[in-house]
Each structure stands twice: as structure tokens, then as C-alpha cells.
Amino acid sequence: MSRWVEIAKVADCPPGSGLECVAEDRLVALFNIDGSFYALDGVCPHQGGPLAKGCVTGHIVTCPWHGWQFDVTTGQHQLSAKLVHPRFNTRVDGDHVLVELP
């Protein structure tokens, strides 16, 4: 059964930015793209880089360690169609951002 977990306040993650959050025992990368929130697993699959600390251009985040790029809306890697990074559903409740955990 899934559950919704609060990870941030809306004001903590302004449009065009990423925020590293903890949801229970998971590191989550939260992104605000034009007022809509998206969440990916916070650890880059390449060598464990912090995705939330990467540069966000449009809806693409670039891992700050080695440049791997993911679409924050889908988790899709930008060079390999076979690699999709885990993502989490998000919702806003008042001024809080929540993610859905399995």
C-alpha cells in the first residue's frame, strides 16, 4: 500500500530549481518546473551523484558529478532509451509538497 509523505514546503523549491529531500529512508530529488513539482530518486545511477544539486534546464537535470541527464518529468535518461530513473508521484497540499512512496 502506498503512502503520501511530506518532503518540503512549496517555497523551499522555487521554479527552475531542485531540492534534495528525505522521505523516510529515501533520498528524493524534488524539482519545480514552472510551478509543477516532480520527484526522482535522489541518487544518480552512474556513481551516486546528488541529482537535486544538478543544473536544471527546462525539464532536464544534469548530474553535477559526471553529466548524466534525465527528464525530471519522466525519469528518462537522455542518451539511453533503456534507462529510466525511478520517479515518484507528487502533490501539493496547501503549502506542502508530498511524494507518494510504495
PDB file of N, CA and C in Angstrom:
ATOM      1  N   MET A   1       0.845  -1.180   0.000  1.00  0.00           N
ATOM      2  CA  MET A   1       0.000   0.000   0.000  1.00  0.00           C
ATOM      3  C   MET A   1       0.891   1.245   0.000  1.00  0.00           C
ATOM      4  N   SER A   2       0.581   2.188  -0.851  1.00  0.00           N
ATOM      5  CA  SER A   2       1.383   3.408  -0.923  1.00  0.00           C
ATOM      6  C   SER A   2       0.938   4.397   0.147  1.00  0.00           C
ATOM      7  N   ARG A   3       1.818   5.371   0.388  1.00  0.00           N
ATOM      8  CA  ARG A   3       1.513   6.416   1.367  1.00  0.00           C
ATOM      9  C   ARG A   3       2.123   7.723   0.883  1.00  0.00           C
ATOM     10  N   TRP A   4       1.503   8.834   1.298  1.00  0.00           N
ATOM     11  CA  TRP A   4       1.977  10.166   0.934  1.00  0.00           C
ATOM     12  C   TRP A   4       2.797  10.720   2.083  1.00  0.00           C
ATOM     13  N   VAL A   5       3.991  11.235   1.754  1.00  0.00           N
ATOM     14  CA  VAL A   5       4.928  11.743   2.760  1.00  0.00           C
ATOM     15  C   VAL A   5       5.299  13.180   2.411  1.00  0.00           C
ATOM     16  N   GLU A   6       5.196  14.064   3.382  1.00  0.00           N
ATOM     17  CA  GLU A   6       5.595  15.461   3.171  1.00  0.00           C
ATOM     18  C   GLU A   6       7.113  15.542   3.104  1.00  0.00           C
ATOM     19  N   ILE A   7       7.619  16.246   2.077  1.00  0.00           N
ATOM     20  CA  ILE A   7       9.074  16.362   1.947  1.00  0.00           C
ATOM     21  C   ILE A   7       9.583  17.800   1.936  1.00  0.00           C
ATOM     22  N   ALA A   8       8.717  18.769   1.662  1.00  0.00           N
ATOM     23  CA  ALA A   8       9.180  20.161   1.587  1.00  0.00           C
ATOM     24  C   ALA A   8       7.988  21.098   1.622  1.00  0.00           C
ATOM     25  N   LYS A   9       8.305  22.368   1.781  1.00  0.00           N
ATOM     26  CA  LYS A   9       7.306  23.422   1.604  1.00  0.00           C
ATOM     27  C   LYS A   9       7.458  23.945   0.181  1.00  0.00           C
ATOM     28  N   VAL A  10       6.371  24.388  -0.395  1.00  0.00           N
ATOM     29  CA  VAL A  10       6.383  24.908  -1.760  1.00  0.00           C
ATOM     30  C   VAL A  10       7.457  25.986  -1.912  1.00  0.00           C
ATOM     31  N   ALA A  11       7.573  26.878  -0.942  1.00  0.00           N
ATOM     32  CA  ALA A  11       8.535  27.990  -1.019  1.00  0.00           C
ATOM     33  C   ALA A  11       9.987  27.534  -0.983  1.00  0.00           C
ATOM     34  N   ASP A  12      10.246  26.311  -0.510  1.00  0.00           N
ATOM     35  CA  ASP A  12      11.621  25.808  -0.428  1.00  0.00           C
ATOM     36  C   ASP A  12      12.212  25.455  -1.787  1.00  0.00           C
ATOM     37  N   CYS A  13      11.366  25.295  -2.796  1.00  0.00           N
ATOM     38  CA  CYS A  13      11.824  24.856  -4.115  1.00  0.00           C
ATOM     39  C   CYS A  13      11.198  25.751  -5.186  1.00  0.00           C
ATOM     40  N   PRO A  14      11.818  26.911  -5.437  1.00  0.00           N
ATOM     41  CA  PRO A  14      11.253  27.845  -6.419  1.00  0.00           C
ATOM     42  C   PRO A  14      11.331  27.301  -7.853  1.00  0.00           C
ATOM     43  N   PRO A  15      10.526  27.845  -8.760  1.00  0.00           N
ATOM     44  CA  PRO A  15      10.545  27.389 -10.151  1.00  0.00           C
ATOM     45  C   PRO A  15      11.950  27.384 -10.742  1.00  0.00           C
ATOM     46  N   GLY A  16      12.248  26.304 -11.485  1.00  0.00           N
ATOM     47  CA  GLY A  16      13.542  26.159 -12.142  1.00  0.00           C
ATOM     48  C   GLY A  16      14.634  25.599 -11.256  1.00  0.00           C
ATOM     49  N   SER A  17      14.268  25.116 -10.076  1.00  0.00           N
ATOM     50  CA  SER A  17      15.299  24.623  -9.158  1.00  0.00           C
ATOM     51  C   SER A  17      15.021  23.192  -8.721  1.00  0.00           C
ATOM     52  N   GLY A  18      16.023  22.626  -8.059  1.00  0.00           N
ATOM     53  CA  GLY A  18      15.916  21.305  -7.459  1.00  0.00           C
ATOM     54  C   GLY A  18      16.214  21.404  -5.979  1.00  0.00           C
ATOM     55  N   LEU A  19      15.718  20.447  -5.214  1.00  0.00           N
ATOM     56  CA  LEU A  19      15.914  20.428  -3.769  1.00  0.00           C
ATOM     57  C   LEU A  19      16.112  18.987  -3.321  1.00  0.00           C
ATOM     58  N   GLU A  20      17.174  18.754  -2.552  1.00  0.00           N
ATOM     59  CA  GLU A  20      17.419  17.423  -2.006  1.00  0.00           C
ATOM     60  C   GLU A  20      16.582  17.252  -0.745  1.00  0.00           C
ATOM     61  N   CYS A  21      15.791  16.178  -0.708  1.00  0.00           N
ATOM     62  CA  CYS A  21      14.874  15.929   0.405  1.00  0.00           C
ATOM     63  C   CYS A  21      15.029  14.493   0.885  1.00  0.00           C
ATOM     64  N   VAL A  22      14.531  14.250   2.083  1.00  0.00           N
ATOM     65  CA  VAL A  22      14.497  12.894   2.617  1.00  0.00           C
ATOM     66  C   VAL A  22      13.046  12.527   2.861  1.00  0.00           C
ATOM     67  N   ALA A  23      12.643  11.387   2.323  1.00  0.00           N
ATOM     68  CA  ALA A  23      11.298  10.849   2.539  1.00  0.00           C
ATOM     69  C   ALA A  23      11.491   9.494   3.196  1.00  0.00           C
ATOM     70  N   GLU A  24      11.270   9.470   4.508  1.00  0.00           N
ATOM     71  CA  GLU A  24      11.536   8.281   5.309  1.00  0.00           C
ATOM     72  C   GLU A  24      12.992   7.869   5.114  1.00  0.00           C
ATOM     73  N   ASP A  25      13.269   6.733   4.476  1.00  0.00           N
ATOM     74  CA  ASP A  25      14.661   6.293   4.326  1.00  0.00           C
ATOM     75  C   ASP A  25      15.200   6.511   2.915  1.00  0.00           C
ATOM     76  N   ARG A  26      14.524   7.343   2.127  1.00  0.00           N
ATOM     77  CA  ARG A  26      14.915   7.574   0.733  1.00  0.00           C
ATOM     78  C   ARG A  26      15.384   9.007   0.514  1.00  0.00           C
ATOM     79  N   LEU A  27      16.397   9.138  -0.330  1.00  0.00           N
ATOM     80  CA  LEU A  27      16.832  10.453  -0.784  1.00  0.00           C
ATOM     81  C   LEU A  27      16.044  10.765  -2.047  1.00  0.00           C
ATOM     82  N   VAL A  28      15.362  11.909  -2.050  1.00  0.00           N
ATOM     83  CA  VAL A  28      14.497  12.295  -3.164  1.00  0.00           C
ATOM     84  C   VAL A  28      14.969  13.631  -3.723  1.00  0.00           C
ATOM     85  N   ALA A  29      15.022  13.702  -5.052  1.00  0.00           N
ATOM     86  CA  ALA A  29      15.338  14.955  -5.740  1.00  0.00           C
ATOM     87  C   ALA A  29      14.014  15.570  -6.185  1.00  0.00           C
ATOM     88  N   LEU A  30      13.672  16.702  -5.600  1.00  0.00           N
ATOM     89  CA  LEU A  30      12.432  17.403  -5.921  1.00  0.00           C
ATOM     90  C   LEU A  30      12.739  18.545  -6.878  1.00  0.00           C
ATOM     91  N   PHE A  31      11.945  18.678  -7.930  1.00  0.00           N
ATOM     92  CA  PHE A  31      12.150  19.728  -8.923  1.00  0.00           C
ATOM     93  C   PHE A  31      10.858  20.503  -9.132  1.00  0.00           C
ATOM     94  N   ASN A  32      10.996  21.815  -9.301  1.00  0.00           N
ATOM     95  CA  ASN A  32       9.872  22.682  -9.600  1.00  0.00           C
ATOM     96  C   ASN A  32      10.067  23.184 -11.026  1.00  0.00           C
ATOM     97  N   ILE A  33       9.196  22.732 -11.924  1.00  0.00           N
ATOM     98  CA  ILE A  33       9.257  23.141 -13.320  1.00  0.00           C
ATOM     99  C   ILE A  33       8.010  23.971 -13.614  1.00  0.00           C
ATOM    100  N   ASP A  34       8.202  25.270 -13.685  1.00  0.00           N
ATOM    101  CA  ASP A  34       7.100  26.200 -13.971  1.00  0.00           C
ATOM    102  C   ASP A  34       5.916  26.027 -13.019  1.00  0.00           C
ATOM    103  N   GLY A  35       6.215  25.769 -11.743  1.00  0.00           N
ATOM    104  CA  GLY A  35       5.169  25.651 -10.736  1.00  0.00           C
ATOM    105  C   GLY A  35       4.628  24.248 -10.531  1.00  0.00           C
ATOM    106  N   SER A  36       5.065  23.294 -11.340  1.00  0.00           N
ATOM    107  CA  SER A  36       4.673  21.893 -11.163  1.00  0.00           C
ATOM    108  C   SER A  36       5.848  21.140 -10.536  1.00  0.00           C
ATOM    109  N   PHE A  37       5.532  20.257  -9.598  1.00  0.00           N
ATOM    110  CA  PHE A  37       6.581  19.533  -8.880  1.00  0.00           C
ATOM    111  C   PHE A  37       6.734  18.113  -9.403  1.00  0.00           C
ATOM    112  N   TYR A  38       8.006  17.697  -9.507  1.00  0.00           N
ATOM    113  CA  TYR A  38       8.369  16.359  -9.964  1.00  0.00           C
ATOM    114  C   TYR A  38       9.429  15.831  -9.014  1.00  0.00           C
ATOM    115  N   ALA A  39       9.432  14.515  -8.817  1.00  0.00           N
ATOM    116  CA  ALA A  39      10.393  13.920  -7.896  1.00  0.00           C
ATOM    117  C   ALA A  39      11.010  12.666  -8.505  1.00  0.00           C
ATOM    118  N   LEU A  40      12.326  12.583  -8.396  1.00  0.00           N
ATOM    119  CA  LEU A  40      13.085  11.416  -8.827  1.00  0.00           C
ATOM    120  C   LEU A  40      13.853  10.868  -7.637  1.00  0.00           C
ATOM    121  N   ASP A  41      14.272   9.607  -7.753  1.00  0.00           N
ATOM    122  CA  ASP A  41      15.225   9.081  -6.782  1.00  0.00           C
ATOM    123  C   ASP A  41      16.397  10.055  -6.775  1.00  0.00           C
ATOM    124  N   GLY A  42      16.868  10.420  -5.603  1.00  0.00           N
ATOM    125  CA  GLY A  42      17.878  11.469  -5.495  1.00  0.00           C
ATOM    126  C   GLY A  42      19.298  11.068  -5.817  1.00  0.00           C
ATOM    127  N   VAL A  43      19.544   9.786  -6.075  1.00  0.00           N
ATOM    128  CA  VAL A  43      20.899   9.295  -6.307  1.00  0.00           C
ATOM    129  C   VAL A  43      21.058   8.899  -7.771  1.00  0.00           C
ATOM    130  N   CYS A  44      21.994   9.531  -8.458  1.00  0.00           N
ATOM    131  CA  CYS A  44      22.259   9.210  -9.858  1.00  0.00           C
ATOM    132  C   CYS A  44      22.740   7.757  -9.960  1.00  0.00           C
ATOM    133  N   PRO A  45      22.213   6.994 -10.923  1.00  0.00           N
ATOM    134  CA  PRO A  45      22.604   5.595 -11.038  1.00  0.00           C
ATOM    135  C   PRO A  45      24.034   5.380 -11.540  1.00  0.00           C
ATOM    136  N   HIS A  46      24.656   6.417 -12.066  1.00  0.00           N
ATOM    137  CA  HIS A  46      26.010   6.255 -12.600  1.00  0.00           C
ATOM    138  C   HIS A  46      27.016   5.983 -11.494  1.00  0.00           C
ATOM    139  N   GLN A  47      27.199   6.969 -10.597  1.00  0.00           N
ATOM    140  CA  GLN A  47      28.139   6.786  -9.487  1.00  0.00           C
ATOM    141  C   GLN A  47      27.657   7.454  -8.216  1.00  0.00           C
ATOM    142  N   GLY A  48      26.350   7.588  -8.080  1.00  0.00           N
ATOM    143  CA  GLY A  48      25.780   8.066  -6.827  1.00  0.00           C
ATOM    144  C   GLY A  48      25.757   9.563  -6.628  1.00  0.00           C
ATOM    145  N   GLY A  49      25.873  10.326  -7.692  1.00  0.00           N
ATOM    146  CA  GLY A  49      25.847  11.786  -7.573  1.00  0.00           C
ATOM    147  C   GLY A  49      24.494  12.298  -7.096  1.00  0.00           C
ATOM    148  N   PRO A  50      24.487  13.495  -6.498  1.00  0.00           N
ATOM    149  CA  PRO A  50      23.253  14.091  -5.967  1.00  0.00           C
ATOM    150  C   PRO A  50      22.455  14.811  -7.053  1.00  0.00           C
ATOM    151  N   LEU A  51      21.449  14.156  -7.611  1.00  0.00           N
ATOM    152  CA  LEU A  51      20.709  14.740  -8.740  1.00  0.00           C
ATOM    153  C   LEU A  51      20.085  16.091  -8.427  1.00  0.00           C
ATOM    154  N   ALA A  52      19.591  16.280  -7.212  1.00  0.00           N
ATOM    155  CA  ALA A  52      18.935  17.545  -6.868  1.00  0.00           C
ATOM    156  C   ALA A  52      19.878  18.732  -6.926  1.00  0.00           C
ATOM    157  N   LYS A  53      21.167  18.478  -6.831  1.00  0.00           N
ATOM    158  CA  LYS A  53      22.148  19.562  -6.863  1.00  0.00           C
ATOM    159  C   LYS A  53      22.645  19.851  -8.274  1.00  0.00           C
ATOM    160  N   GLY A  54      22.047  19.160  -9.259  1.00  0.00           N
ATOM    161  CA  GLY A  54      22.430  19.376 -10.646  1.00  0.00           C
ATOM    162  C   GLY A  54      21.769  20.603 -11.243  1.00  0.00           C
ATOM    163  N   CYS A  55      22.231  20.964 -12.408  1.00  0.00           N
ATOM    164  CA  CYS A  55      21.692  22.107 -13.141  1.00  0.00           C
ATOM    165  C   CYS A  55      20.404  21.682 -13.840  1.00  0.00           C
ATOM    166  N   VAL A  56      19.365  22.491 -13.699  1.00  0.00           N
ATOM    167  CA  VAL A  56      18.083  22.217 -14.350  1.00  0.00           C
ATOM    168  C   VAL A  56      17.919  23.198 -15.514  1.00  0.00           C
ATOM    169  N   THR A  57      17.731  22.640 -16.707  1.00  0.00           N
ATOM    170  CA  THR A  57      17.493  23.437 -17.907  1.00  0.00           C
ATOM    171  C   THR A  57      16.215  22.921 -18.535  1.00  0.00           C
ATOM    172  N   GLY A  58      15.185  23.747 -18.529  1.00  0.00           N
ATOM    173  CA  GLY A  58      13.878  23.273 -18.982  1.00  0.00           C
ATOM    174  C   GLY A  58      13.396  22.205 -18.029  1.00  0.00           C
ATOM    175  N   HIS A  59      13.209  20.993 -18.518  1.00  0.00           N
ATOM    176  CA  HIS A  59      12.809  19.884 -17.654  1.00  0.00           C
ATOM    177  C   HIS A  59      13.891  18.796 -17.584  1.00  0.00           C
ATOM    178  N   ILE A  60      15.133  19.183 -17.916  1.00  0.00           N
ATOM    179  CA  ILE A  60      16.257  18.247 -17.882  1.00  0.00           C
ATOM    180  C   ILE A  60      17.200  18.625 -16.743  1.00  0.00           C
ATOM    181  N   VAL A  61      17.541  17.628 -15.912  1.00  0.00           N
ATOM    182  CA  VAL A  61      18.536  17.840 -14.866  1.00  0.00           C
ATOM    183  C   VAL A  61      19.825  17.138 -15.284  1.00  0.00           C
ATOM    184  N   THR A  62      20.948  17.819 -15.033  1.00  0.00           N
ATOM    185  CA  THR A  62      22.264  17.266 -15.328  1.00  0.00           C
ATOM    186  C   THR A  62      22.962  16.975 -14.014  1.00  0.00           C
ATOM    187  N   CYS A  63      23.331  15.712 -13.809  1.00  0.00           N
ATOM    188  CA  CYS A  63      24.020  15.335 -12.576  1.00  0.00           C
ATOM    189  C   CYS A  63      25.318  16.139 -12.458  1.00  0.00           C
ATOM    190  N   PRO A  64      25.572  16.734 -11.288  1.00  0.00           N
ATOM    191  CA  PRO A  64      26.757  17.571 -11.133  1.00  0.00           C
ATOM    192  C   PRO A  64      28.072  16.799 -11.128  1.00  0.00           C
ATOM    193  N   TRP A  65      28.043  15.494 -10.938  1.00  0.00           N
ATOM    194  CA  TRP A  65      29.294  14.742 -10.877  1.00  0.00           C
ATOM    195  C   TRP A  65      29.839  14.360 -12.246  1.00  0.00           C
ATOM    196  N   HIS A  66      29.006  13.791 -13.113  1.00  0.00           N
ATOM    197  CA  HIS A  66      29.524  13.284 -14.384  1.00  0.00           C
ATOM    198  C   HIS A  66      28.650  13.605 -15.590  1.00  0.00           C
ATOM    199  N   GLY A  67      27.646  14.466 -15.394  1.00  0.00           N
ATOM    200  CA  GLY A  67      26.879  14.971 -16.525  1.00  0.00           C
ATOM    201  C   GLY A  67      25.761  14.106 -17.063  1.00  0.00           C
ATOM    202  N   TRP A  68      25.407  13.039 -16.374  1.00  0.00           N
ATOM    203  CA  TRP A  68      24.265  12.256 -16.844  1.00  0.00           C
ATOM    204  C   TRP A  68      23.021  13.127 -16.776  1.00  0.00           C
ATOM    205  N   GLN A  69      22.174  13.015 -17.789  1.00  0.00           N
ATOM    206  CA  GLN A  69      20.994  13.877 -17.882  1.00  0.00           C
ATOM    207  C   GLN A  69      19.702  13.063 -17.878  1.00  0.00           C
ATOM    208  N   PHE A  70      18.716  13.571 -17.119  1.00  0.00           N
ATOM    209  CA  PHE A  70      17.419  12.919 -17.002  1.00  0.00           C
ATOM    210  C   PHE A  70      16.304  13.943 -17.170  1.00  0.00           C
ATOM    211  N   ASP A  71      15.215  13.491 -17.777  1.00  0.00           N
ATOM    212  CA  ASP A  71      13.999  14.288 -17.850  1.00  0.00           C
ATOM    213  C   ASP A  71      13.328  14.155 -16.478  1.00  0.00           C
ATOM    214  N   VAL A  72      13.163  15.248 -15.761  1.00  0.00           N
ATOM    215  CA  VAL A  72      12.604  15.169 -14.404  1.00  0.00           C
ATOM    216  C   VAL A  72      11.126  14.794 -14.407  1.00  0.00           C
ATOM    217  N   THR A  73      10.442  14.958 -15.536  1.00  0.00           N
ATOM    218  CA  THR A  73       9.019  14.638 -15.590  1.00  0.00           C
ATOM    219  C   THR A  73       8.766  13.143 -15.787  1.00  0.00           C
ATOM    220  N   THR A  74       9.737  12.424 -16.354  1.00  0.00           N
ATOM    221  CA  THR A  74       9.557  11.000 -16.660  1.00  0.00           C
ATOM    222  C   THR A  74      10.643  10.104 -16.087  1.00  0.00           C
ATOM    223  N   GLY A  75      11.801  10.664 -15.771  1.00  0.00           N
ATOM    224  CA  GLY A  75      12.946   9.871 -15.334  1.00  0.00           C
ATOM    225  C   GLY A  75      13.783   9.346 -16.488  1.00  0.00           C
ATOM    226  N   GLN A  76      13.386   9.635 -17.718  1.00  0.00           N
ATOM    227  CA  GLN A  76      14.072   9.099 -18.893  1.00  0.00           C
ATOM    228  C   GLN A  76      15.487   9.680 -19.028  1.00  0.00           C
ATOM    229  N   HIS A  77      16.485   8.785 -19.143  1.00  0.00           N
ATOM    230  CA  HIS A  77      17.863   9.200 -19.414  1.00  0.00           C
ATOM    231  C   HIS A  77      17.899   9.774 -20.822  1.00  0.00           C
ATOM    232  N   GLN A  78      18.717  10.773 -21.056  1.00  0.00           N
ATOM    233  CA  GLN A  78      18.701  11.474 -22.335  1.00  0.00           C
ATOM    234  C   GLN A  78      19.506  10.816 -23.442  1.00  0.00           C
ATOM    235  N   LEU A  79      20.313   9.797 -23.127  1.00  0.00           N
ATOM    236  CA  LEU A  79      21.082   9.116 -24.171  1.00  0.00           C
ATOM    237  C   LEU A  79      20.709   7.651 -24.331  1.00  0.00           C
ATOM    238  N   SER A  80      20.098   7.062 -23.335  1.00  0.00           N
ATOM    239  CA  SER A  80      19.759   5.647 -23.383  1.00  0.00           C
ATOM    240  C   SER A  80      18.257   5.455 -23.183  1.00  0.00           C
ATOM    241  N   ALA A  81      17.586   4.966 -24.209  1.00  0.00           N
ATOM    242  CA  ALA A  81      16.144   4.724 -24.118  1.00  0.00           C
ATOM    243  C   ALA A  81      15.821   3.629 -23.103  1.00  0.00           C
ATOM    244  N   LYS A  82      16.790   2.776 -22.797  1.00  0.00           N
ATOM    245  CA  LYS A  82      16.568   1.669 -21.862  1.00  0.00           C
ATOM    246  C   LYS A  82      16.665   2.089 -20.399  1.00  0.00           C
ATOM    247  N   LEU A  83      17.231   3.268 -20.130  1.00  0.00           N
ATOM    248  CA  LEU A  83      17.459   3.693 -18.747  1.00  0.00           C
ATOM    249  C   LEU A  83      16.418   4.736 -18.328  1.00  0.00           C
ATOM    250  N   VAL A  84      15.570   4.329 -17.392  1.00  0.00           N
ATOM    251  CA  VAL A  84      14.575   5.244 -16.829  1.00  0.00           C
ATOM    252  C   VAL A  84      14.792   5.255 -15.324  1.00  0.00           C
ATOM    253  N   HIS A  85      15.094   6.435 -14.799  1.00  0.00           N
ATOM    254  CA  HIS A  85      15.371   6.593 -13.370  1.00  0.00           C
ATOM    255  C   HIS A  85      14.056   6.581 -12.590  1.00  0.00           C
ATOM    256  N   PRO A  86      14.029   5.939 -11.421  1.00  0.00           N
ATOM    257  CA  PRO A  86      12.791   5.887 -10.640  1.00  0.00           C
ATOM    258  C   PRO A  86      12.258   7.278 -10.301  1.00  0.00           C
ATOM    259  N   ARG A  87      10.936   7.412 -10.415  1.00  0.00           N
ATOM    260  CA  ARG A  87      10.291   8.682 -10.101  1.00  0.00           C
ATOM    261  C   ARG A  87       9.162   8.434  -9.112  1.00  0.00           C
ATOM    262  N   PHE A  88       8.721   9.507  -8.489  1.00  0.00           N
ATOM    263  CA  PHE A  88       7.645   9.437  -7.503  1.00  0.00           C
ATOM    264  C   PHE A  88       6.547  10.422  -7.888  1.00  0.00           C
ATOM    265  N   ASN A  89       5.308  10.039  -7.681  1.00  0.00           N
ATOM    266  CA  ASN A  89       4.208  10.980  -7.859  1.00  0.00           C
ATOM    267  C   ASN A  89       4.304  12.053  -6.784  1.00  0.00           C
ATOM    268  N   THR A  90       3.877  13.258  -7.127  1.00  0.00           N
ATOM    269  CA  THR A  90       3.887  14.366  -6.172  1.00  0.00           C
ATOM    270  C   THR A  90       2.501  14.997  -6.112  1.00  0.00           C
ATOM    271  N   ARG A  91       2.264  15.704  -5.036  1.00  0.00           N
ATOM    272  CA  ARG A  91       1.064  16.532  -4.937  1.00  0.00           C
ATOM    273  C   ARG A  91       1.352  17.652  -3.954  1.00  0.00           C
ATOM    274  N   VAL A  92       0.602  18.731  -4.115  1.00  0.00           N
ATOM    275  CA  VAL A  92       0.725  19.878  -3.222  1.00  0.00           C
ATOM    276  C   VAL A  92      -0.517  19.909  -2.349  1.00  0.00           C
ATOM    277  N   ASP A  93      -0.290  20.052  -1.052  1.00  0.00           N
ATOM    278  CA  ASP A  93      -1.381  20.154  -0.078  1.00  0.00           C
ATOM    279  C   ASP A  93      -1.141  21.442   0.710  1.00  0.00           C
ATOM    280  N   GLY A  94      -1.873  22.490   0.343  1.00  0.00           N
ATOM    281  CA  GLY A  94      -1.631  23.800   0.960  1.00  0.00           C
ATOM    282  C   GLY A  94      -0.276  24.303   0.527  1.00  0.00           C
ATOM    283  N   ASP A  95       0.629  24.518   1.490  1.00  0.00           N
ATOM    284  CA  ASP A  95       1.981  24.971   1.147  1.00  0.00           C
ATOM    285  C   ASP A  95       3.008  23.855   1.321  1.00  0.00           C
ATOM    286  N   HIS A  96       2.556  22.599   1.316  1.00  0.00           N
ATOM    287  CA  HIS A  96       3.443  21.454   1.492  1.00  0.00           C
ATOM    288  C   HIS A  96       3.483  20.603   0.216  1.00  0.00           C
ATOM    289  N   VAL A  97       4.676  20.072  -0.079  1.00  0.00           N
ATOM    290  CA  VAL A  97       4.837  19.148  -1.212  1.00  0.00           C
ATOM    291  C   VAL A  97       4.972  17.741  -0.628  1.00  0.00           C
ATOM    292  N   LEU A  98       4.204  16.827  -1.187  1.00  0.00           N
ATOM    293  CA  LEU A  98       4.233  15.441  -0.745  1.00  0.00           C
ATOM    294  C   LEU A  98       4.625  14.540  -1.908  1.00  0.00           C
ATOM    295  N   VAL A  99       5.265  13.400  -1.568  1.00  0.00           N
ATOM    296  CA  VAL A  99       5.562  12.370  -2.562  1.00  0.00           C
ATOM    297  C   VAL A  99       4.872  11.080  -2.155  1.00  0.00           C
ATOM    298  N   GLU A 100       4.541  10.285  -3.154  1.00  0.00           N
ATOM    299  CA  GLU A 100       3.907   9.000  -2.893  1.00  0.00           C
ATOM    300  C   GLU A 100       4.987   7.919  -2.880  1.00  0.00           C
ATOM    301  N   LEU A 101       5.101   7.236  -1.759  1.00  0.00           N
ATOM    302  CA  LEU A 101       6.069   6.158  -1.613  1.00  0.00           C
ATOM    303  C   LEU A 101       5.345   4.814  -1.684  1.00  0.00           C
ATOM    304  N   PRO A 102       6.007   3.817  -2.269  1.00  0.00           N
ATOM    305  CA  PRO A 102       5.366   2.493  -2.346  1.00  0.00           C
ATOM    306  C   PRO A 102       5.285   1.834  -0.964  1.00  0.00           C
TER     307      PRO A 102
END
